[in-house]
Amino acid sequence: MKTDVNITFGKRVAELRKNAGYSQEQFAFKCEVDRTYIGTIERGEKSPTLNTIDKIANALGISKSELFNY
């Protein structure tokens, strides 16, 4: 379900992923999740679990709190 927080978080993930130079497919592989799941997060259609947030932060080499600096 799209909510403002999901959309904002998704845009942040997409921005950080692109800045890191990853395609969605490369990023999904690095996060150990399906590419379509990354797409749904970036579009604000899904809320990632805490486990997935941890994987995203680790894949980007940043702290989890940095994901929420938007």
Protein backbone atom coordinates (compact mmCIF):
# COMPACT_ATOMS: atom_id res chain seq x y z
CA MET A 1 0.00 0.00 0.00
CA LYS A 2 1.44 3.36 -1.02
CA THR A 3 1.79 5.81 1.84
CA ASP A 4 3.74 9.04 2.04
CA VAL A 5 6.41 7.45 4.20
CA ASN A 6 6.74 4.47 1.82
CA ILE A 7 7.05 6.75 -1.19
CA THR A 8 9.62 8.98 0.51
CA PHE A 9 11.64 6.01 1.75
CA GLY A 10 11.50 4.37 -1.66
CA LYS A 11 12.78 7.51 -3.36
CA ARG A 12 15.63 7.64 -0.85
CA VAL A 13 16.59 4.03 -1.53
CA ALA A 14 16.50 4.63 -5.29
CA GLU A 15 18.61 7.78 -4.94
CA LEU A 16 21.24 6.04 -2.81
CA ARG A 17 21.28 2.98 -5.09
CA LYS A 18 21.80 5.12 -8.20
CA ASN A 19 24.48 7.21 -6.48
CA ALA A 20 26.28 3.97 -5.63
CA GLY A 21 26.15 2.99 -9.31
CA TYR A 22 23.96 -0.11 -8.96
CA SER A 23 21.22 -1.25 -11.28
CA GLN A 24 18.15 -2.65 -9.52
CA GLU A 25 19.30 -6.14 -10.46
CA GLN A 26 22.83 -5.64 -9.10
CA PHE A 27 21.47 -4.05 -5.94
CA ALA A 28 18.94 -6.82 -5.36
CA PHE A 29 21.71 -9.41 -5.70
CA LYS A 30 23.83 -7.51 -3.19
CA CYS A 31 20.84 -7.27 -0.80
CA GLU A 32 19.97 -10.95 -1.33
CA VAL A 33 16.38 -10.12 -2.34
CA ASP A 34 14.43 -10.35 -5.58
CA ARG A 35 14.79 -7.49 -8.07
CA THR A 36 11.04 -7.02 -8.22
CA TYR A 37 10.98 -6.52 -4.44
CA ILE A 38 13.51 -3.68 -4.72
CA GLY A 39 11.28 -2.12 -7.39
CA THR A 40 8.21 -2.31 -5.17
CA ILE A 41 10.12 -0.67 -2.31
CA GLU A 42 11.44 2.10 -4.56
CA ARG A 43 7.94 2.81 -5.90
CA GLY A 44 6.53 2.94 -2.38
CA GLU A 45 4.30 -0.06 -2.92
CA LYS A 46 5.79 -2.16 -0.10
CA SER A 47 7.23 -1.48 3.32
CA PRO A 48 10.50 -3.34 3.79
CA THR A 49 11.00 -5.48 6.87
CA LEU A 50 13.64 -4.52 9.41
CA ASN A 51 15.74 -7.38 8.07
CA THR A 52 15.52 -5.94 4.54
CA ILE A 53 16.34 -2.44 5.80
CA ASP A 54 19.47 -3.93 7.38
CA LYS A 55 20.39 -5.65 4.10
CA ILE A 56 19.86 -2.41 2.13
CA ALA A 57 22.05 -0.40 4.50
CA ASN A 58 24.78 -3.05 4.45
CA ALA A 59 24.71 -3.27 0.65
CA LEU A 60 25.14 0.51 0.46
CA GLY A 61 27.81 0.57 3.17
CA ILE A 62 25.85 3.04 5.28
CA SER A 63 24.13 3.05 8.67
CA LYS A 64 20.44 2.27 8.88
CA SER A 65 19.81 5.77 10.20
CA GLU A 66 21.31 7.25 7.02
CA LEU A 67 18.54 5.56 5.04
CA PHE A 68 16.08 7.78 6.89
CA ASN A 69 17.92 11.08 6.35
CA TYR A 70 15.48 12.55 3.85
